Amino acid sequence: MKKLSIVITVFSLFMMFLTPIVNAHPGRTDSNGGHYCWTNCSKWGLSYGEYHYHNSAKNYNPPKVDYTPLVEPIDIYINGAWQYYDPSAYIKNGTTLVPMRAIFEELGATVNYDSKNKKITAIKDGKKIVFSIGNKKAYVNDKGVTSSISLGYPAEIKNGSTMVPIRFISEALGARVNWDGLTNTIEINN
């Protein structure tokens, strides 16, 4: 009997020390001591699918979920003809980015990409345009005179395509670009 009371006492002490560490409702927790709520969420004051944790001593912050809003499609017309591009144009940090190669080639330029240096070279009518991914400067050599163009947003790669600010098209190739914010339409004419 004495052995049984010692076992019960030890077990009780063990449970007493364990309770502050695991003061959770039943369910599995991850290595951070938390989990997503799938049942009885309102009982615990949580929303369905909400991440929460039970070991506040770890001071763990749950993983962030990207709730980037979807943007409306942007139509592009070149010399009056509707264009389909994948990826399509999109707005990022207030700047409209468009697929450079497809538009430059449609306007008659040849485009080369140096993947090792992430450098793009485009040539049209003796005009040479050079810039790099991630850089906010582009250089245009027209008849031996080099000038620079400051990009409001650096060129970036999306799904294998080089995306550039729409304004860069007009500044680099001299095309007329019109943006209609009401209809999300870009018109490019050379």
Protein backbone atom coordinates (compact mmCIF):
# COMPACT_ATOMS: atom_id res chain seq x y z
CA MET A 1 0.00 0.00 0.00
CA LYS A 2 2.87 2.31 0.85
CA LYS A 3 4.37 1.75 -2.61
CA LEU A 4 1.06 2.63 -4.26
CA SER A 5 0.78 5.91 -2.35
CA ILE A 6 4.36 6.83 -3.34
CA VAL A 7 3.59 6.09 -7.01
CA ILE A 8 0.41 8.19 -6.82
CA THR A 9 2.27 11.05 -5.10
CA VAL A 10 5.09 11.00 -7.69
CA PHE A 11 2.57 10.85 -10.52
CA SER A 12 0.61 13.76 -9.00
CA LEU A 13 3.76 15.86 -8.64
CA PHE A 14 4.74 15.01 -12.21
CA MET A 15 1.34 16.11 -13.49
CA MET A 16 1.47 19.27 -11.38
CA PHE A 17 4.78 20.28 -12.99
CA LEU A 18 3.58 19.30 -16.45
CA THR A 19 0.33 21.29 -16.28
CA PRO A 20 1.85 24.79 -16.66
CA ILE A 21 3.82 23.62 -19.68
CA VAL A 22 0.94 21.93 -21.44
CA ASN A 23 -2.12 23.88 -20.43
CA ALA A 24 -3.86 23.10 -23.67
CA HIS A 25 -6.99 21.43 -24.80
CA PRO A 26 -6.50 17.98 -26.34
CA GLY A 27 -4.83 17.86 -29.74
CA ARG A 28 -1.45 17.64 -31.33
CA THR A 29 0.90 20.59 -31.36
CA ASP A 30 3.84 21.31 -33.63
CA SER A 31 7.45 21.78 -32.50
CA ASN A 32 6.61 25.35 -31.47
CA GLY A 33 3.82 24.24 -29.15
CA GLY A 34 0.99 25.45 -31.36
CA HIS A 35 -1.47 24.29 -33.97
CA TYR A 36 -4.35 25.39 -36.18
CA CYS A 37 -7.83 25.27 -34.68
CA TRP A 38 -10.15 22.93 -36.59
CA THR A 39 -12.72 21.90 -33.95
CA ASN A 40 -14.52 23.74 -31.13
CA CYS A 41 -12.79 26.96 -32.18
CA SER A 42 -15.46 29.27 -30.81
CA LYS A 43 -15.26 27.47 -27.46
CA TRP A 44 -11.66 28.69 -27.19
CA GLY A 45 -12.42 32.15 -28.59
CA LEU A 46 -10.74 31.37 -31.93
CA SER A 47 -11.74 31.39 -35.58
CA TYR A 48 -11.81 28.22 -37.64
CA GLY A 49 -8.30 27.59 -39.03
CA GLU A 50 -6.65 30.17 -36.76
CA TYR A 51 -3.16 29.30 -35.60
CA HIS A 52 -2.55 29.49 -31.86
CA TYR A 53 -0.09 28.10 -29.39
CA HIS A 54 -0.14 26.95 -25.83
CA ASN A 55 3.41 27.36 -24.68
CA SER A 56 3.62 31.12 -24.29
CA ALA A 57 7.11 30.83 -22.77
CA LYS A 58 8.50 30.26 -26.27
CA ASN A 59 7.03 33.57 -27.48
CA TYR A 60 6.41 32.04 -30.89
CA ASN A 61 4.89 34.08 -33.69
CA PRO A 62 2.70 32.05 -36.07
CA PRO A 63 3.68 31.82 -39.74
CA LYS A 64 2.56 34.76 -41.87
CA VAL A 65 0.06 34.12 -44.64
CA ASP A 66 0.31 36.24 -47.79
CA TYR A 67 -3.07 37.81 -48.48
CA THR A 68 -1.91 39.77 -51.53
CA PRO A 69 -5.03 41.10 -53.21
CA LEU A 70 -5.71 39.95 -56.72
CA VAL A 71 -5.34 42.64 -59.34
CA GLU A 72 -7.66 43.14 -62.23
CA PRO A 73 -6.32 42.11 -65.62
CA ILE A 74 -4.63 44.78 -67.71
CA ASP A 75 -5.30 44.82 -71.45
CA ILE A 76 -2.46 45.81 -73.77
CA TYR A 77 -2.98 47.07 -77.32
CA ILE A 78 -0.06 47.64 -79.68
CA ASN A 79 -0.88 49.73 -82.76
CA GLY A 80 -4.57 48.93 -82.17
CA ALA A 81 -4.19 45.14 -81.86
CA TRP A 82 -5.00 43.42 -78.55
CA GLN A 83 -2.05 41.43 -77.16
CA TYR A 84 -2.04 38.35 -74.96
CA TYR A 85 0.97 37.86 -72.68
CA ASP A 86 1.78 35.30 -70.03
CA PRO A 87 2.61 36.70 -67.59
CA SER A 88 0.35 39.65 -68.16
CA ALA A 89 0.99 43.22 -67.07
CA TYR A 90 0.48 43.96 -63.39
CA ILE A 91 0.77 46.84 -60.92
CA LYS A 92 3.41 46.65 -58.19
CA ASN A 93 4.02 49.43 -55.68
CA GLY A 94 2.11 51.85 -57.91
CA THR A 95 4.12 51.00 -61.05
CA THR A 96 2.66 49.14 -64.02
CA LEU A 97 5.06 46.41 -65.14
CA VAL A 98 4.82 44.81 -68.58
CA PRO A 99 6.57 41.87 -70.30
CA MET A 100 9.52 43.57 -72.01
CA ARG A 101 10.62 41.04 -74.66
CA ALA A 102 7.16 40.48 -76.10
CA ILE A 103 6.44 44.21 -76.41
CA PHE A 104 9.91 45.16 -77.68
CA GLU A 105 9.75 42.42 -80.35
CA GLU A 106 6.21 43.44 -81.35
CA LEU A 107 7.56 46.98 -81.83
CA GLY A 108 10.35 45.65 -84.08
CA ALA A 109 13.31 45.37 -81.67
CA THR A 110 15.58 42.36 -81.28
CA VAL A 111 16.19 41.28 -77.69
CA ASN A 112 19.05 39.26 -76.17
CA TYR A 113 19.33 38.07 -72.58
CA ASP A 114 22.65 37.27 -70.87
CA SER A 115 21.51 34.93 -68.08
CA LYS A 116 24.94 34.83 -66.42
CA ASN A 117 24.98 38.61 -65.83
CA LYS A 118 21.16 39.08 -65.91
CA LYS A 119 21.72 41.69 -68.60
CA ILE A 120 19.26 42.54 -71.39
CA THR A 121 20.25 44.14 -74.69
CA ALA A 122 17.65 45.35 -77.20
CA ILE A 123 18.35 46.89 -80.61
CA LYS A 124 15.96 48.79 -82.86
CA ASP A 125 16.80 51.11 -85.76
CA GLY A 126 20.44 51.46 -84.65
CA LYS A 127 19.39 52.28 -81.08
CA LYS A 128 20.92 49.98 -78.43
CA ILE A 129 19.23 49.64 -75.02
CA VAL A 130 21.08 47.89 -72.17
CA PHE A 131 19.95 47.23 -68.58
CA SER A 132 20.15 44.60 -65.85
CA ILE A 133 17.57 42.83 -63.71
CA GLY A 134 17.22 44.54 -60.33
CA ASN A 135 18.85 47.77 -61.53
CA LYS A 136 17.00 51.09 -61.68
CA LYS A 137 19.16 52.44 -64.54
CA ALA A 138 19.03 51.63 -68.24
CA TYR A 139 21.37 52.95 -70.92
CA VAL A 140 20.45 53.92 -74.47
CA ASN A 141 23.05 54.41 -77.18
CA ASP A 142 21.56 56.26 -80.13
CA LYS A 143 23.98 57.04 -82.96
CA GLY A 144 27.01 56.99 -80.65
CA VAL A 145 25.44 59.13 -77.92
CA THR A 146 24.75 57.29 -74.66
CA SER A 147 22.12 58.48 -72.23
CA SER A 148 20.62 56.92 -69.13
CA ILE A 149 17.03 56.28 -68.16
CA SER A 150 16.00 56.10 -64.51
CA LEU A 151 13.40 53.45 -63.89
CA GLY A 152 10.84 54.12 -61.19
CA TYR A 153 10.95 50.43 -60.35
CA PRO A 154 13.76 48.01 -61.28
CA ALA A 155 13.25 45.34 -63.92
CA GLU A 156 12.30 41.97 -62.43
CA ILE A 157 11.73 38.41 -63.57
CA LYS A 158 8.27 36.87 -63.22
CA ASN A 159 7.60 33.35 -64.46
CA GLY A 160 10.67 33.55 -66.71
CA SER A 161 9.75 36.91 -68.28
CA THR A 162 11.51 40.23 -67.79
CA MET A 163 9.01 42.77 -66.49
CA VAL A 164 9.74 46.51 -66.87
CA PRO A 165 7.85 49.70 -66.04
CA ILE A 166 5.54 50.69 -68.90
CA ARG A 167 7.12 54.15 -69.03
CA PHE A 168 10.42 52.48 -70.00
CA ILE A 169 8.86 51.36 -73.32
CA SER A 170 8.23 54.93 -74.39
CA GLU A 171 11.54 56.28 -73.10
CA ALA A 172 13.66 53.49 -74.62
CA LEU A 173 11.94 53.02 -77.99
CA GLY A 174 10.19 56.34 -78.44
CA ALA A 175 6.76 54.68 -78.59
CA ARG A 176 3.66 56.56 -77.46
CA VAL A 177 2.15 54.93 -74.38
CA ASN A 178 -1.28 55.72 -72.98
CA TRP A 179 -2.61 54.26 -69.70
CA ASP A 180 -6.35 54.31 -69.05
CA GLY A 181 -6.88 53.61 -65.35
CA LEU A 182 -10.66 53.37 -65.66
CA THR A 183 -10.51 50.42 -68.06
CA ASN A 184 -7.06 49.07 -67.06
CA THR A 185 -5.90 49.43 -70.65
CA ILE A 186 -2.47 50.22 -72.07
CA GLU A 187 -2.22 51.50 -75.63
CA ILE A 188 1.21 51.50 -77.28
CA ASN A 189 1.78 53.03 -80.70
CA ASN A 190 4.98 53.61 -82.65
